[in-house]
Amino acid sequence: RTRSGMQNSQHRSAGRIVDLIHGVLGL
């Protein structure tokens, strides 16, 4: 459960990071 929670948290962070990069550099 801990690993699953960490993975879900990381995937949410990953999606946010991609969106933020697109915000700076363009999509």
mmCIF file of all heavy atoms, coordinates in Angstrom:
data_MODEL
# 
_entry.id   MODEL 
# 
loop_
_atom_site.group_PDB 
_atom_site.id 
_atom_site.type_symbol 
_atom_site.label_atom_id 
_atom_site.label_alt_id 
_atom_site.label_comp_id 
_atom_site.label_asym_id 
_atom_site.label_entity_id 
_atom_site.label_seq_id 
_atom_site.pdbx_PDB_ins_code 
_atom_site.Cartn_x 
_atom_site.Cartn_y 
_atom_site.Cartn_z 
_atom_site.occupancy 
_atom_site.B_iso_or_equiv 
_atom_site.pdbx_formal_charge 
_atom_site.auth_seq_id 
_atom_site.auth_comp_id 
_atom_site.auth_asym_id 
_atom_site.auth_atom_id 
_atom_site.pdbx_PDB_model_num 
ATOM 1   N N   . ARG A 1 1  ? 0.826  -1.203 0.000   1.00 0.00 ? 1  ARG A N   1 
ATOM 2   C CA  . ARG A 1 1  ? 0.000  0.000  0.000   1.00 0.00 ? 1  ARG A CA  1 
ATOM 3   C C   . ARG A 1 1  ? 0.860  1.252  0.000   1.00 0.00 ? 1  ARG A C   1 
ATOM 4   O O   . ARG A 1 1  ? 0.541  2.243  -0.660  1.00 0.00 ? 1  ARG A O   1 
ATOM 5   C CB  . ARG A 1 1  ? -0.920 -0.019 1.217   1.00 0.00 ? 1  ARG A CB  1 
ATOM 6   C CG  . ARG A 1 1  ? -2.045 -1.042 1.118   1.00 0.00 ? 1  ARG A CG  1 
ATOM 7   C CD  . ARG A 1 1  ? -2.814 -1.127 2.412   1.00 0.00 ? 1  ARG A CD  1 
ATOM 8   N NE  . ARG A 1 1  ? -3.957 -2.043 2.297   1.00 0.00 ? 1  ARG A NE  1 
ATOM 9   C CZ  . ARG A 1 1  ? -4.690 -2.437 3.327   1.00 0.00 ? 1  ARG A CZ  1 
ATOM 10  N NH1 . ARG A 1 1  ? -4.396 -1.998 4.549   1.00 0.00 ? 1  ARG A NH1 1 
ATOM 11  N NH2 . ARG A 1 1  ? -5.709 -3.260 3.145   1.00 0.00 ? 1  ARG A NH2 1 
ATOM 12  N N   . THR A 1 2  ? 1.958  1.205  0.766   1.00 0.00 ? 2  THR A N   1 
ATOM 13  C CA  . THR A 1 2  ? 2.862  2.355  0.811   1.00 0.00 ? 2  THR A CA  1 
ATOM 14  C C   . THR A 1 2  ? 3.473  2.621  -0.550  1.00 0.00 ? 2  THR A C   1 
ATOM 15  O O   . THR A 1 2  ? 3.513  3.756  -1.029  1.00 0.00 ? 2  THR A O   1 
ATOM 16  C CB  . THR A 1 2  ? 3.978  2.119  1.847   1.00 0.00 ? 2  THR A CB  1 
ATOM 17  O OG1 . THR A 1 2  ? 3.383  1.914  3.125   1.00 0.00 ? 2  THR A OG1 1 
ATOM 18  C CG2 . THR A 1 2  ? 4.922  3.307  1.918   1.00 0.00 ? 2  THR A CG2 1 
ATOM 19  N N   . ARG A 1 3  ? 3.956  1.544  -1.210  1.00 0.00 ? 3  ARG A N   1 
ATOM 20  C CA  . ARG A 1 3  ? 4.534  1.699  -2.546  1.00 0.00 ? 3  ARG A CA  1 
ATOM 21  C C   . ARG A 1 3  ? 3.506  2.234  -3.520  1.00 0.00 ? 3  ARG A C   1 
ATOM 22  O O   . ARG A 1 3  ? 3.792  3.102  -4.339  1.00 0.00 ? 3  ARG A O   1 
ATOM 23  C CB  . ARG A 1 3  ? 5.100  0.358  -3.042  1.00 0.00 ? 3  ARG A CB  1 
ATOM 24  C CG  . ARG A 1 3  ? 6.396  -0.065 -2.359  1.00 0.00 ? 3  ARG A CG  1 
ATOM 25  C CD  . ARG A 1 3  ? 7.053  -1.188 -3.136  1.00 0.00 ? 3  ARG A CD  1 
ATOM 26  N NE  . ARG A 1 3  ? 6.203  -2.365 -3.225  1.00 0.00 ? 3  ARG A NE  1 
ATOM 27  C CZ  . ARG A 1 3  ? 6.192  -3.351 -2.335  1.00 0.00 ? 3  ARG A CZ  1 
ATOM 28  N NH1 . ARG A 1 3  ? 6.976  -3.286 -1.273  1.00 0.00 ? 3  ARG A NH1 1 
ATOM 29  N NH2 . ARG A 1 3  ? 5.405  -4.400 -2.484  1.00 0.00 ? 3  ARG A NH2 1 
ATOM 30  N N   . SER A 1 4  ? 2.266  1.700  -3.428  1.00 0.00 ? 4  SER A N   1 
ATOM 31  C CA  . SER A 1 4  ? 1.208  2.163  -4.340  1.00 0.00 ? 4  SER A CA  1 
ATOM 32  C C   . SER A 1 4  ? 0.917  3.634  -4.117  1.00 0.00 ? 4  SER A C   1 
ATOM 33  O O   . SER A 1 4  ? 0.763  4.405  -5.075  1.00 0.00 ? 4  SER A O   1 
ATOM 34  C CB  . SER A 1 4  ? -0.058 1.336  -4.123  1.00 0.00 ? 4  SER A CB  1 
ATOM 35  O OG  . SER A 1 4  ? -1.105 1.792  -4.942  1.00 0.00 ? 4  SER A OG  1 
ATOM 36  N N   . GLY A 1 5  ? 0.867  4.052  -2.836  1.00 0.00 ? 5  GLY A N   1 
ATOM 37  C CA  . GLY A 1 5  ? 0.630  5.459  -2.541  1.00 0.00 ? 5  GLY A CA  1 
ATOM 38  C C   . GLY A 1 5  ? 1.734  6.348  -3.049  1.00 0.00 ? 5  GLY A C   1 
ATOM 39  O O   . GLY A 1 5  ? 1.482  7.424  -3.606  1.00 0.00 ? 5  GLY A O   1 
ATOM 40  N N   . MET A 1 6  ? 2.982  5.900  -2.885  1.00 0.00 ? 6  MET A N   1 
ATOM 41  C CA  . MET A 1 6  ? 4.120  6.672  -3.382  1.00 0.00 ? 6  MET A CA  1 
ATOM 42  C C   . MET A 1 6  ? 4.079  6.774  -4.892  1.00 0.00 ? 6  MET A C   1 
ATOM 43  O O   . MET A 1 6  ? 4.343  7.843  -5.461  1.00 0.00 ? 6  MET A O   1 
ATOM 44  C CB  . MET A 1 6  ? 5.426  6.019  -2.924  1.00 0.00 ? 6  MET A CB  1 
ATOM 45  C CG  . MET A 1 6  ? 5.687  6.131  -1.433  1.00 0.00 ? 6  MET A CG  1 
ATOM 46  S SD  . MET A 1 6  ? 7.175  5.235  -0.940  1.00 0.00 ? 6  MET A SD  1 
ATOM 47  C CE  . MET A 1 6  ? 8.420  6.113  -1.880  1.00 0.00 ? 6  MET A CE  1 
ATOM 48  N N   . GLN A 1 7  ? 3.735  5.665  -5.570  1.00 0.00 ? 7  GLN A N   1 
ATOM 49  C CA  . GLN A 1 7  ? 3.675  5.686  -7.028  1.00 0.00 ? 7  GLN A CA  1 
ATOM 50  C C   . GLN A 1 7  ? 2.583  6.639  -7.511  1.00 0.00 ? 7  GLN A C   1 
ATOM 51  O O   . GLN A 1 7  ? 2.780  7.399  -8.459  1.00 0.00 ? 7  GLN A O   1 
ATOM 52  C CB  . GLN A 1 7  ? 3.443  4.269  -7.553  1.00 0.00 ? 7  GLN A CB  1 
ATOM 53  C CG  . GLN A 1 7  ? 4.655  3.353  -7.390  1.00 0.00 ? 7  GLN A CG  1 
ATOM 54  C CD  . GLN A 1 7  ? 4.330  1.912  -7.721  1.00 0.00 ? 7  GLN A CD  1 
ATOM 55  O OE1 . GLN A 1 7  ? 3.179  1.544  -7.906  1.00 0.00 ? 7  GLN A OE1 1 
ATOM 56  N NE2 . GLN A 1 7  ? 5.356  1.082  -7.799  1.00 0.00 ? 7  GLN A NE2 1 
ATOM 57  N N   . ASN A 1 8  ? 1.404  6.593  -6.853  1.00 0.00 ? 8  ASN A N   1 
ATOM 58  C CA  . ASN A 1 8  ? 0.325  7.494  -7.252  1.00 0.00 ? 8  ASN A CA  1 
ATOM 59  C C   . ASN A 1 8  ? 0.729  8.947  -7.036  1.00 0.00 ? 8  ASN A C   1 
ATOM 60  O O   . ASN A 1 8  ? 0.448  9.816  -7.881  1.00 0.00 ? 8  ASN A O   1 
ATOM 61  C CB  . ASN A 1 8  ? -0.940 7.169  -6.458  1.00 0.00 ? 8  ASN A CB  1 
ATOM 62  C CG  . ASN A 1 8  ? -1.572 5.854  -6.870  1.00 0.00 ? 8  ASN A CG  1 
ATOM 63  O OD1 . ASN A 1 8  ? -1.354 5.397  -7.988  1.00 0.00 ? 8  ASN A OD1 1 
ATOM 64  N ND2 . ASN A 1 8  ? -2.332 5.245  -5.984  1.00 0.00 ? 8  ASN A ND2 1 
ATOM 65  N N   . SER A 1 9  ? 1.382  9.217  -5.906  1.00 0.00 ? 9  SER A N   1 
ATOM 66  C CA  . SER A 1 9  ? 1.836  10.574 -5.627  1.00 0.00 ? 9  SER A CA  1 
ATOM 67  C C   . SER A 1 9  ? 2.854  11.030 -6.663  1.00 0.00 ? 9  SER A C   1 
ATOM 68  O O   . SER A 1 9  ? 2.804  12.172 -7.139  1.00 0.00 ? 9  SER A O   1 
ATOM 69  C CB  . SER A 1 9  ? 2.445  10.644 -4.222  1.00 0.00 ? 9  SER A CB  1 
ATOM 70  O OG  . SER A 1 9  ? 2.981  11.916 -3.970  1.00 0.00 ? 9  SER A OG  1 
ATOM 71  N N   . GLN A 1 10 ? 3.779  10.139 -7.017  1.00 0.00 ? 10 GLN A N   1 
ATOM 72  C CA  . GLN A 1 10 ? 4.790  10.491 -8.012  1.00 0.00 ? 10 GLN A CA  1 
ATOM 73  C C   . GLN A 1 10 ? 4.158  10.738 -9.373  1.00 0.00 ? 10 GLN A C   1 
ATOM 74  O O   . GLN A 1 10 ? 4.579  11.644 -10.090 1.00 0.00 ? 10 GLN A O   1 
ATOM 75  C CB  . GLN A 1 10 ? 5.846  9.393  -8.103  1.00 0.00 ? 10 GLN A CB  1 
ATOM 76  C CG  . GLN A 1 10 ? 6.840  9.411  -6.961  1.00 0.00 ? 10 GLN A CG  1 
ATOM 77  C CD  . GLN A 1 10 ? 8.109  8.650  -7.293  1.00 0.00 ? 10 GLN A CD  1 
ATOM 78  O OE1 . GLN A 1 10 ? 8.136  7.819  -8.192  1.00 0.00 ? 10 GLN A OE1 1 
ATOM 79  N NE2 . GLN A 1 10 ? 9.162  8.930  -6.561  1.00 0.00 ? 10 GLN A NE2 1 
ATOM 80  N N   . HIS A 1 11 ? 3.153  9.943  -9.741  1.00 0.00 ? 11 HIS A N   1 
ATOM 81  C CA  . HIS A 1 11 ? 2.520  10.156 -11.037 1.00 0.00 ? 11 HIS A CA  1 
ATOM 82  C C   . HIS A 1 11 ? 1.757  11.472 -11.065 1.00 0.00 ? 11 HIS A C   1 
ATOM 83  O O   . HIS A 1 11 ? 1.728  12.151 -12.089 1.00 0.00 ? 11 HIS A O   1 
ATOM 84  C CB  . HIS A 1 11 ? 1.608  8.972  -11.382 1.00 0.00 ? 11 HIS A CB  1 
ATOM 85  C CG  . HIS A 1 11 ? 2.323  7.829  -12.022 1.00 0.00 ? 11 HIS A CG  1 
ATOM 86  N ND1 . HIS A 1 11 ? 3.065  6.924  -11.300 1.00 0.00 ? 11 HIS A ND1 1 
ATOM 87  C CD2 . HIS A 1 11 ? 2.453  7.462  -13.319 1.00 0.00 ? 11 HIS A CD2 1 
ATOM 88  C CE1 . HIS A 1 11 ? 3.600  6.036  -12.122 1.00 0.00 ? 11 HIS A CE1 1 
ATOM 89  N NE2 . HIS A 1 11 ? 3.244  6.336  -13.353 1.00 0.00 ? 11 HIS A NE2 1 
ATOM 90  N N   . ARG A 1 12 ? 1.132  11.834 -9.938  1.00 0.00 ? 12 ARG A N   1 
ATOM 91  C CA  . ARG A 1 12 ? 0.482  13.146 -9.883  1.00 0.00 ? 12 ARG A CA  1 
ATOM 92  C C   . ARG A 1 12 ? 1.509  14.257 -10.021 1.00 0.00 ? 12 ARG A C   1 
ATOM 93  O O   . ARG A 1 12 ? 1.292  15.237 -10.742 1.00 0.00 ? 12 ARG A O   1 
ATOM 94  C CB  . ARG A 1 12 ? -0.302 13.281 -8.578  1.00 0.00 ? 12 ARG A CB  1 
ATOM 95  C CG  . ARG A 1 12 ? -1.595 12.470 -8.531  1.00 0.00 ? 12 ARG A CG  1 
ATOM 96  C CD  . ARG A 1 12 ? -2.465 12.898 -7.369  1.00 0.00 ? 12 ARG A CD  1 
ATOM 97  N NE  . ARG A 1 12 ? -1.836 12.605 -6.086  1.00 0.00 ? 12 ARG A NE  1 
ATOM 98  C CZ  . ARG A 1 12 ? -1.978 11.469 -5.425  1.00 0.00 ? 12 ARG A CZ  1 
ATOM 99  N NH1 . ARG A 1 12 ? -2.720 10.499 -5.930  1.00 0.00 ? 12 ARG A NH1 1 
ATOM 100 N NH2 . ARG A 1 12 ? -1.391 11.295 -4.252  1.00 0.00 ? 12 ARG A NH2 1 
ATOM 101 N N   . SER A 1 13 ? 2.639  14.104 -9.341  1.00 0.00 ? 13 SER A N   1 
ATOM 102 C CA  . SER A 1 13 ? 3.712  15.101 -9.455  1.00 0.00 ? 13 SER A CA  1 
ATOM 103 C C   . SER A 1 13 ? 4.261  15.143 -10.861 1.00 0.00 ? 13 SER A C   1 
ATOM 104 O O   . SER A 1 13 ? 4.560  16.219 -11.389 1.00 0.00 ? 13 SER A O   1 
ATOM 105 C CB  . SER A 1 13 ? 4.832  14.781 -8.462  1.00 0.00 ? 13 SER A CB  1 
ATOM 106 O OG  . SER A 1 13 ? 4.400  14.896 -7.124  1.00 0.00 ? 13 SER A OG  1 
ATOM 107 N N   . ALA A 1 14 ? 4.386  13.969 -11.502 1.00 0.00 ? 14 ALA A N   1 
ATOM 108 C CA  . ALA A 1 14 ? 4.907  13.917 -12.867 1.00 0.00 ? 14 ALA A CA  1 
ATOM 109 C C   . ALA A 1 14 ? 4.002  14.671 -13.821 1.00 0.00 ? 14 ALA A C   1 
ATOM 110 O O   . ALA A 1 14 ? 4.467  15.435 -14.678 1.00 0.00 ? 14 ALA A O   1 
ATOM 111 C CB  . ALA A 1 14 ? 5.063  12.467 -13.314 1.00 0.00 ? 14 ALA A CB  1 
ATOM 112 N N   . GLY A 1 15 ? 2.688  14.474 -13.693 1.00 0.00 ? 15 GLY A N   1 
ATOM 113 C CA  . GLY A 1 15 ? 1.762  15.200 -14.545 1.00 0.00 ? 15 GLY A CA  1 
ATOM 114 C C   . GLY A 1 15 ? 1.839  16.694 -14.329 1.00 0.00 ? 15 GLY A C   1 
ATOM 115 O O   . GLY A 1 15 ? 1.793  17.481 -15.289 1.00 0.00 ? 15 GLY A O   1 
ATOM 116 N N   . ARG A 1 16 ? 1.985  17.098 -13.073 1.00 0.00 ? 16 ARG A N   1 
ATOM 117 C CA  . ARG A 1 16 ? 2.098  18.527 -12.779 1.00 0.00 ? 16 ARG A CA  1 
ATOM 118 C C   . ARG A 1 16 ? 3.380  19.097 -13.371 1.00 0.00 ? 16 ARG A C   1 
ATOM 119 O O   . ARG A 1 16 ? 3.387  20.204 -13.927 1.00 0.00 ? 16 ARG A O   1 
ATOM 120 C CB  . ARG A 1 16 ? 2.075  18.734 -11.267 1.00 0.00 ? 16 ARG A CB  1 
ATOM 121 C CG  . ARG A 1 16 ? 2.094  20.205 -10.848 1.00 0.00 ? 16 ARG A CG  1 
ATOM 122 C CD  . ARG A 1 16 ? 2.096  20.328 -9.346  1.00 0.00 ? 16 ARG A CD  1 
ATOM 123 N NE  . ARG A 1 16 ? 2.161  21.726 -8.925  1.00 0.00 ? 16 ARG A NE  1 
ATOM 124 C CZ  . ARG A 1 16 ? 2.422  22.116 -7.688  1.00 0.00 ? 16 ARG A CZ  1 
ATOM 125 N NH1 . ARG A 1 16 ? 2.622  21.217 -6.739  1.00 0.00 ? 16 ARG A NH1 1 
ATOM 126 N NH2 . ARG A 1 16 ? 2.472  23.397 -7.391  1.00 0.00 ? 16 ARG A NH2 1 
ATOM 127 N N   . ILE A 1 17 ? 4.469  18.330 -13.260 1.00 0.00 ? 17 ILE A N   1 
ATOM 128 C CA  . ILE A 1 17 ? 5.748  18.796 -13.805 1.00 0.00 ? 17 ILE A CA  1 
ATOM 129 C C   . ILE A 1 17 ? 5.664  18.998 -15.310 1.00 0.00 ? 17 ILE A C   1 
ATOM 130 O O   . ILE A 1 17 ? 6.122  20.007 -15.850 1.00 0.00 ? 17 ILE A O   1 
ATOM 131 C CB  . ILE A 1 17 ? 6.871  17.798 -13.443 1.00 0.00 ? 17 ILE A CB  1 
ATOM 132 C CG1 . ILE A 1 17 ? 7.216  17.920 -11.959 1.00 0.00 ? 17 ILE A CG1 1 
ATOM 133 C CG2 . ILE A 1 17 ? 8.115  18.038 -14.305 1.00 0.00 ? 17 ILE A CG2 1 
ATOM 134 C CD1 . ILE A 1 17 ? 8.148  16.830 -11.462 1.00 0.00 ? 17 ILE A CD1 1 
ATOM 135 N N   . VAL A 1 18 ? 5.072  18.039 -16.016 1.00 0.00 ? 18 VAL A N   1 
ATOM 136 C CA  . VAL A 1 18 ? 4.939  18.157 -17.474 1.00 0.00 ? 18 VAL A CA  1 
ATOM 137 C C   . VAL A 1 18 ? 4.117  19.393 -17.829 1.00 0.00 ? 18 VAL A C   1 
ATOM 138 O O   . VAL A 1 18 ? 4.485  20.163 -18.734 1.00 0.00 ? 18 VAL A O   1 
ATOM 139 C CB  . VAL A 1 18 ? 4.311  16.884 -18.060 1.00 0.00 ? 18 VAL A CB  1 
ATOM 140 C CG1 . VAL A 1 18 ? 3.951  17.088 -19.532 1.00 0.00 ? 18 VAL A CG1 1 
ATOM 141 C CG2 . VAL A 1 18 ? 5.264  15.700 -17.918 1.00 0.00 ? 18 VAL A CG2 1 
ATOM 142 N N   . ASP A 1 19 ? 3.019  19.617 -17.126 1.00 0.00 ? 19 ASP A N   1 
ATOM 143 C CA  . ASP A 1 19 ? 2.188  20.795 -17.405 1.00 0.00 ? 19 ASP A CA  1 
ATOM 144 C C   . ASP A 1 19 ? 2.967  22.089 -17.157 1.00 0.00 ? 19 ASP A C   1 
ATOM 145 O O   . ASP A 1 19 ? 2.857  23.054 -17.934 1.00 0.00 ? 19 ASP A O   1 
ATOM 146 C CB  . ASP A 1 19 ? 0.931  20.768 -16.547 1.00 0.00 ? 19 ASP A CB  1 
ATOM 147 C CG  . ASP A 1 19 ? -0.053 19.693 -16.976 1.00 0.00 ? 19 ASP A CG  1 
ATOM 148 O OD1 . ASP A 1 19 ? 0.069  19.209 -18.120 1.00 0.00 ? 19 ASP A OD1 1 
ATOM 149 O OD2 . ASP A 1 19 ? -0.925 19.327 -16.164 1.00 0.00 ? 19 ASP A OD2 1 
ATOM 150 N N   . LEU A 1 20 ? 3.746  22.132 -16.078 1.00 0.00 ? 20 LEU A N   1 
ATOM 151 C CA  . LEU A 1 20 ? 4.514  23.329 -15.759 1.00 0.00 ? 20 LEU A CA  1 
ATOM 152 C C   . LEU A 1 20 ? 5.601  23.592 -16.799 1.00 0.00 ? 20 LEU A C   1 
ATOM 153 O O   . LEU A 1 20 ? 5.854  24.744 -17.176 1.00 0.00 ? 20 LEU A O   1 
ATOM 154 C CB  . LEU A 1 20 ? 5.129  23.203 -14.362 1.00 0.00 ? 20 LEU A CB  1 
ATOM 155 C CG  . LEU A 1 20 ? 4.161  23.324 -13.185 1.00 0.00 ? 20 LEU A CG  1 
ATOM 156 C CD1 . LEU A 1 20 ? 4.831  22.893 -11.881 1.00 0.00 ? 20 LEU A CD1 1 
ATOM 157 C CD2 . LEU A 1 20 ? 3.629  24.753 -13.066 1.00 0.00 ? 20 LEU A CD2 1 
ATOM 158 N N   . ILE A 1 21 ? 6.242  22.539 -17.257 1.00 0.00 ? 21 ILE A N   1 
ATOM 159 C CA  . ILE A 1 21 ? 7.267  22.704 -18.302 1.00 0.00 ? 21 ILE A CA  1 
ATOM 160 C C   . ILE A 1 21 ? 6.631  23.250 -19.575 1.00 0.00 ? 21 ILE A C   1 
ATOM 161 O O   . ILE A 1 21 ? 7.173  24.158 -20.223 1.00 0.00 ? 21 ILE A O   1 
ATOM 162 C CB  . ILE A 1 21 ? 7.997  21.377 -18.570 1.00 0.00 ? 21 ILE A CB  1 
ATOM 163 C CG1 . ILE A 1 21 ? 8.830  20.970 -17.347 1.00 0.00 ? 21 ILE A CG1 1 
ATOM 164 C CG2 . ILE A 1 21 ? 8.908  21.502 -19.796 1.00 0.00 ? 21 ILE A CG2 1 
ATOM 165 C CD1 . ILE A 1 21 ? 9.445  19.596 -17.459 1.00 0.00 ? 21 ILE A CD1 1 
ATOM 166 N N   . HIS A 1 22 ? 5.480  22.701 -19.936 1.00 0.00 ? 22 HIS A N   1 
ATOM 167 C CA  . HIS A 1 22 ? 4.778  23.232 -21.111 1.00 0.00 ? 22 HIS A CA  1 
ATOM 168 C C   . HIS A 1 22 ? 4.410  24.692 -20.901 1.00 0.00 ? 22 HIS A C   1 
ATOM 169 O O   . HIS A 1 22 ? 4.446  25.492 -21.854 1.00 0.00 ? 22 HIS A O   1 
ATOM 170 C CB  . HIS A 1 22 ? 3.513  22.415 -21.384 1.00 0.00 ? 22 HIS A CB  1 
ATOM 171 C CG  . HIS A 1 22 ? 3.770  21.071 -21.975 1.00 0.00 ? 22 HIS A CG  1 
ATOM 172 N ND1 . HIS A 1 22 ? 4.686  20.848 -22.974 1.00 0.00 ? 22 HIS A ND1 1 
ATOM 173 C CD2 . HIS A 1 22 ? 3.216  19.851 -21.703 1.00 0.00 ? 22 HIS A CD2 1 
ATOM 174 C CE1 . HIS A 1 22 ? 4.686  19.558 -23.304 1.00 0.00 ? 22 HIS A CE1 1 
ATOM 175 N NE2 . HIS A 1 22 ? 3.812  18.932 -22.544 1.00 0.00 ? 22 HIS A NE2 1 
ATOM 176 N N   . GLY A 1 23 ? 4.072  25.070 -19.681 1.00 0.00 ? 23 GLY A N   1 
ATOM 177 C CA  . GLY A 1 23 ? 3.740  26.455 -19.408 1.00 0.00 ? 23 GLY A CA  1 
ATOM 178 C C   . GLY A 1 23 ? 4.899  27.392 -19.662 1.00 0.00 ? 23 GLY A C   1 
ATOM 179 O O   . GLY A 1 23 ? 4.727  28.519 -20.143 1.00 0.00 ? 23 GLY A O   1 
ATOM 180 N N   . VAL A 1 24 ? 6.121  26.943 -19.360 1.00 0.00 ? 24 VAL A N   1 
ATOM 181 C CA  . VAL A 1 24 ? 7.313  27.771 -19.554 1.00 0.00 ? 24 VAL A CA  1 
ATOM 182 C C   . VAL A 1 24 ? 7.802  27.715 -21.000 1.00 0.00 ? 24 VAL A C   1 
ATOM 183 O O   . VAL A 1 24 ? 8.121  28.751 -21.609 1.00 0.00 ? 24 VAL A O   1 
ATOM 184 C CB  . VAL A 1 24 ? 8.442  27.332 -18.605 1.00 0.00 ? 24 VAL A CB  1 
ATOM 185 C CG1 . VAL A 1 24 ? 9.726  28.130 -18.871 1.00 0.00 ? 24 VAL A CG1 1 
ATOM 186 C CG2 . VAL A 1 24 ? 8.017  27.508 -17.149 1.00 0.00 ? 24 VAL A CG2 1 
ATOM 187 N N   . LEU A 1 25 ? 7.862  26.517 -21.568 1.00 0.00 ? 25 LEU A N   1 
ATOM 188 C CA  . LEU A 1 25 ? 8.504  26.323 -22.872 1.00 0.00 ? 25 LEU A CA  1 
ATOM 189 C C   . LEU A 1 25 ? 7.518  26.224 -24.033 1.00 0.00 ? 25 LEU A C   1 
ATOM 190 O O   . LEU A 1 25 ? 7.930  26.264 -25.191 1.00 0.00 ? 25 LEU A O   1 
ATOM 191 C CB  . LEU A 1 25 ? 9.381  25.064 -22.839 1.00 0.00 ? 25 LEU A CB  1 
ATOM 192 C CG  . LEU A 1 25 ? 10.488 25.051 -21.786 1.00 0.00 ? 25 LEU A CG  1 
ATOM 193 C CD1 . LEU A 1 25 ? 11.273 23.746 -21.873 1.00 0.00 ? 25 LEU A CD1 1 
ATOM 194 C CD2 . LEU A 1 25 ? 11.420 26.247 -21.955 1.00 0.00 ? 25 LEU A CD2 1 
ATOM 195 N N   . GLY A 1 26 ? 6.242  26.070 -23.724 1.00 0.00 ? 26 GLY A N   1 
ATOM 196 C CA  . GLY A 1 26 ? 5.253  25.936 -24.783 1.00 0.00 ? 26 GLY A CA  1 
ATOM 197 C C   . GLY A 1 26 ? 4.928  24.474 -25.052 1.00 0.00 ? 26 GLY A C   1 
ATOM 198 O O   . GLY A 1 26 ? 5.732  23.578 -24.786 1.00 0.00 ? 26 GLY A O   1 
ATOM 199 N N   . LEU A 1 27 ? 3.731  24.252 -25.564 1.00 0.00 ? 27 LEU A N   1 
ATOM 200 C CA  . LEU A 1 27 ? 3.276  22.911 -25.903 1.00 0.00 ? 27 LEU A CA  1 
ATOM 201 C C   . LEU A 1 27 ? 3.333  22.729 -27.412 1.00 0.00 ? 27 LEU A C   1 
ATOM 202 O O   . LEU A 1 27 ? 2.760  23.516 -28.163 1.00 0.00 ? 27 LEU A O   1 
ATOM 203 C CB  . LEU A 1 27 ? 1.842  22.697 -25.407 1.00 0.00 ? 27 LEU A CB  1 
ATOM 204 C CG  . LEU A 1 27 ? 1.152  21.398 -25.826 1.00 0.00 ? 27 LEU A CG  1 
ATOM 205 C CD1 . LEU A 1 27 ? 1.909  20.191 -25.278 1.00 0.00 ? 27 LEU A CD1 1 
ATOM 206 C CD2 . LEU A 1 27 ? -0.299 21.391 -25.352 1.00 0.00 ? 27 LEU A CD2 1 
# 
